[in-house]
Protein backbone atom coordinates (compact mmCIF):
# COMPACT_ATOMS: atom_id res chain seq x y z
CA MET A 1 -55.23 -21.03 16.24
CA SER A 2 -53.74 -19.42 13.12
CA TRP A 3 -50.04 -18.83 12.64
CA ASP A 4 -48.82 -15.27 12.07
CA ALA A 5 -45.71 -13.18 12.73
CA ALA A 6 -46.99 -11.90 16.07
CA ARG A 7 -47.68 -15.40 17.34
CA GLU A 8 -44.31 -16.65 16.10
CA ARG A 9 -42.52 -13.73 17.81
CA ALA A 10 -44.37 -14.38 21.09
CA LEU A 11 -43.52 -18.10 20.96
CA CYS A 12 -39.86 -17.34 20.20
CA GLN A 13 -39.63 -14.90 23.10
CA ALA A 14 -41.23 -17.43 25.45
CA ALA A 15 -38.98 -20.22 24.13
CA SER A 16 -35.85 -18.12 24.64
CA ARG A 17 -36.88 -17.75 28.29
CA GLY A 18 -37.05 -21.55 28.59
CA ASP A 19 -40.76 -22.16 27.96
CA ARG A 20 -40.83 -25.84 26.86
CA GLU A 21 -44.40 -25.64 25.50
CA ALA A 22 -43.45 -22.73 23.25
CA LEU A 23 -40.42 -24.68 22.01
CA ARG A 24 -42.57 -27.73 21.36
CA GLU A 25 -45.10 -25.68 19.38
CA LEU A 26 -42.37 -24.04 17.26
CA CYS A 27 -40.71 -27.39 16.57
CA THR A 28 -44.03 -28.99 15.68
CA TYR A 29 -44.96 -26.17 13.32
CA PHE A 30 -41.62 -26.07 11.48
CA ALA A 31 -40.77 -29.80 11.47
CA GLU A 32 -42.68 -30.71 8.31
CA PRO A 33 -41.49 -27.76 6.18
CA LEU A 34 -37.91 -28.45 7.26
CA PHE A 35 -38.24 -32.14 6.48
CA ALA A 36 -40.09 -31.87 3.16
CA GLY A 37 -38.58 -28.67 1.81
CA VAL A 38 -34.99 -28.62 3.05
CA ILE A 39 -33.74 -31.98 4.32
CA LEU A 40 -35.38 -34.83 2.38
CA PRO A 41 -34.69 -33.35 -1.11
CA ARG A 42 -31.00 -33.10 -0.26
CA ILE A 43 -30.57 -36.36 1.66
CA GLY A 44 -32.84 -38.51 -0.50
CA ASN A 45 -33.29 -41.28 2.04
CA ARG A 46 -36.30 -40.93 4.35
CA ALA A 47 -34.75 -42.60 7.41
CA ASP A 48 -31.53 -40.55 7.10
CA ALA A 49 -33.57 -37.38 6.57
CA GLU A 50 -35.55 -38.13 9.73
CA ASP A 51 -32.24 -38.40 11.61
CA VAL A 52 -31.14 -35.00 10.28
CA LEU A 53 -34.51 -33.47 11.21
CA ARG A 54 -34.24 -34.86 14.74
CA GLU A 55 -30.72 -33.45 15.10
CA THR A 56 -31.83 -30.08 13.65
CA LEU A 57 -34.64 -29.73 16.17
CA LEU A 58 -32.38 -30.89 19.02
CA ARG A 59 -29.79 -28.24 18.15
CA ALA A 60 -32.49 -25.61 17.83
CA VAL A 61 -33.86 -26.49 21.26
CA GLN A 62 -30.37 -26.47 22.80
CA GLY A 63 -29.45 -23.13 21.22
CA PHE A 64 -32.74 -21.28 21.38
CA GLU A 65 -31.69 -19.12 24.31
CA ARG A 66 -29.07 -17.55 21.99
CA PHE A 67 -31.52 -17.00 19.12
CA GLU A 68 -32.46 -13.38 18.46
CA TYR A 69 -35.76 -12.89 16.69
CA GLY A 70 -35.56 -10.64 13.64
CA ALA A 71 -37.80 -9.46 10.83
CA ALA A 72 -37.33 -12.73 8.92
CA GLY A 73 -38.56 -14.80 11.87
CA VAL A 74 -37.19 -18.13 13.03
CA TRP A 75 -37.33 -19.98 9.67
CA PRO A 76 -33.93 -18.83 8.26
CA TRP A 77 -32.19 -19.84 11.51
CA LEU A 78 -33.81 -23.30 11.53
CA ARG A 79 -33.08 -23.75 7.82
CA ARG A 80 -29.42 -22.83 8.35
CA ILE A 81 -29.10 -25.43 11.14
CA ALA A 82 -30.63 -28.07 8.86
CA MET A 83 -28.41 -27.13 5.88
CA ASN A 84 -25.27 -27.23 8.05
CA LEU A 85 -26.19 -30.75 9.18
CA VAL A 86 -26.89 -31.86 5.59
CA ILE A 87 -23.49 -30.48 4.52
CA ASP A 88 -21.72 -32.12 7.49
CA ARG A 89 -23.28 -35.49 6.60
CA ALA A 90 -22.14 -35.18 2.97
CA ARG A 91 -18.60 -34.27 4.05
CA LYS A 92 -18.37 -37.23 6.42
CA ALA A 93 -19.56 -39.57 3.65
CA ARG A 94 -16.87 -38.24 1.30
CA VAL A 95 -14.15 -38.59 3.97
CA ARG A 96 -15.25 -42.17 4.74
CA GLU A 97 -15.17 -43.01 1.03
CA ARG A 98 -11.64 -41.56 0.66
CA HIS A 99 -10.41 -43.56 3.67
CA GLU A 100 -11.80 -46.75 2.19
CA GLN A 101 -10.07 -46.05 -1.14
CA VAL A 102 -6.73 -45.42 0.62
CA TYR A 103 -7.16 -48.61 2.64
CA GLU A 104 -7.85 -50.67 -0.47
CA ALA A 105 -4.88 -49.12 -2.28
CA GLU A 106 -2.57 -49.97 0.63
CA LEU A 107 -3.82 -53.56 0.67
CA ARG A 108 -2.97 -53.90 -3.02
CA THR A 109 0.64 -52.77 -2.40
CA LEU A 110 1.43 -55.30 0.34
CA PRO A 111 4.05 -57.81 -0.77
CA PRO A 112 3.11 -61.47 -0.83
CA SER A 113 4.05 -63.49 2.19
CA THR A 114 7.11 -65.72 1.77
CA THR A 115 6.92 -67.66 5.02
CA PRO A 116 5.89 -71.35 5.26
CA GLY A 117 2.14 -71.57 4.60
CA ALA A 118 2.31 -68.31 2.65
CA GLU A 119 -0.10 -69.61 0.03
CA ALA A 120 -2.75 -70.44 2.65
CA ASP A 121 -2.18 -67.03 4.30
CA LEU A 122 -2.52 -65.29 0.96
CA ILE A 123 -5.74 -67.14 0.14
CA ALA A 124 -7.12 -66.34 3.60
CA ALA A 125 -6.17 -62.68 3.19
CA GLN A 126 -7.82 -62.51 -0.23
CA GLU A 127 -10.98 -64.14 1.15
CA ARG A 128 -11.02 -61.67 4.04
CA LEU A 129 -10.56 -58.76 1.62
CA LEU A 130 -13.39 -60.04 -0.58
CA ALA A 131 -15.65 -60.49 2.47
CA GLU A 132 -14.77 -56.98 3.70
CA ARG A 133 -15.62 -55.52 0.29
CA GLN A 134 -18.90 -57.41 0.23
CA LEU A 135 -19.70 -56.21 3.75
CA ARG A 136 -18.84 -52.59 2.91
CA GLY A 137 -20.95 -52.80 -0.23
CA ALA A 138 -23.87 -54.35 1.60
CA LEU A 139 -23.60 -51.75 4.41
CA ALA A 140 -23.39 -48.90 1.92
CA ARG A 141 -26.74 -49.88 0.45
CA LEU A 142 -28.46 -49.63 3.86
CA ASN A 143 -29.96 -46.44 5.16
CA GLU A 144 -27.74 -44.41 7.49
CA ARG A 145 -29.64 -45.37 10.64
CA TYR A 146 -29.43 -49.13 9.97
CA ARG A 147 -25.78 -48.90 8.93
CA ARG A 148 -24.88 -46.90 12.05
CA ALA A 149 -26.68 -49.37 14.36
CA ILE A 150 -24.71 -52.28 12.87
CA GLU A 151 -21.39 -50.44 12.94
CA LEU A 152 -21.74 -49.40 16.59
CA ARG A 153 -23.15 -52.62 18.01
CA VAL A 154 -21.68 -55.37 15.81
CA LEU A 155 -18.48 -54.03 14.28
CA GLU A 156 -17.36 -51.77 17.16
CA GLU A 157 -18.92 -54.09 19.77
CA ARG A 158 -20.24 -51.26 21.88
CA PRO A 159 -22.69 -52.06 24.70
CA ARG A 160 -26.38 -52.19 23.79
CA LEU A 161 -27.40 -49.40 26.18
CA GLU A 162 -24.63 -47.11 24.92
CA VAL A 163 -25.65 -47.62 21.30
CA ALA A 164 -29.32 -47.04 22.09
CA ALA A 165 -28.39 -43.75 23.79
CA LEU A 166 -26.16 -42.69 20.87
CA LEU A 167 -29.01 -43.33 18.43
CA GLY A 168 -31.50 -41.56 20.68
CA VAL A 169 -33.85 -44.49 21.20
CA THR A 170 -34.87 -46.71 24.09
CA PRO A 171 -33.11 -50.10 24.45
CA PRO A 172 -36.23 -52.07 23.34
CA THR A 173 -36.60 -49.79 20.30
CA PHE A 174 -32.91 -50.30 19.55
CA ASP A 175 -33.40 -54.08 19.68
CA VAL A 176 -36.10 -53.80 17.01
CA LEU A 177 -33.94 -51.39 15.00
CA LEU A 178 -30.93 -53.73 15.13
CA HIS A 179 -33.07 -56.74 14.18
CA ARG A 180 -34.42 -54.88 11.15
CA ALA A 181 -30.95 -53.56 10.28
CA LEU A 182 -29.47 -57.06 10.31
CA ALA A 183 -32.36 -58.39 8.21
CA ALA A 184 -31.79 -55.57 5.71
CA LEU A 185 -28.01 -56.31 5.72
CA ARG A 186 -28.69 -59.99 5.05
CA LYS A 187 -30.91 -59.07 2.10
CA SER A 188 -28.34 -56.54 0.82
CA TRP A 189 -25.55 -59.11 1.19
CA GLU A 190 -27.49 -61.66 -0.86
CA THR A 191 -27.72 -59.20 -3.79
CA THR A 192 -23.94 -58.82 -4.00
């Protein structure tokens, strides 16, 4: 069946009334143009772009009852959702980078320890700092999805089922994702 403005309008009206099949058809039709034309060129990383697409479509589905169909159709609304998510992701990355810089600057200003065993403490602290830098560097080279899986499960020690739910995957799929993420981290670590 061909796609035209009348069909799109009818699907949007049905979707705003809660018709899941109409929502599915709209999401299917617009997913590839959103991914290839809006998200991937701005994100650059395929796995991260897929995460943004998934979140875009989820937000569209959740907010479709509030969408009002106009002459331009549904595309500008979907594109705006995607662009807002791309911008949010970029802002969060900048904030995280600034926090890391502040943390490193504060570590450099700490006075040396003068208690017994201070030299061993200082060496241990320097080794920890070096290991943290290596870990941050290795994590930064991973795609967003792998990095997030490791941060939630390993660094924050959250339960497996909770992390799977946060990432929007089943627990067995999360197990595979975490295994691949750790393998990628190991490889990234070895290149530092």
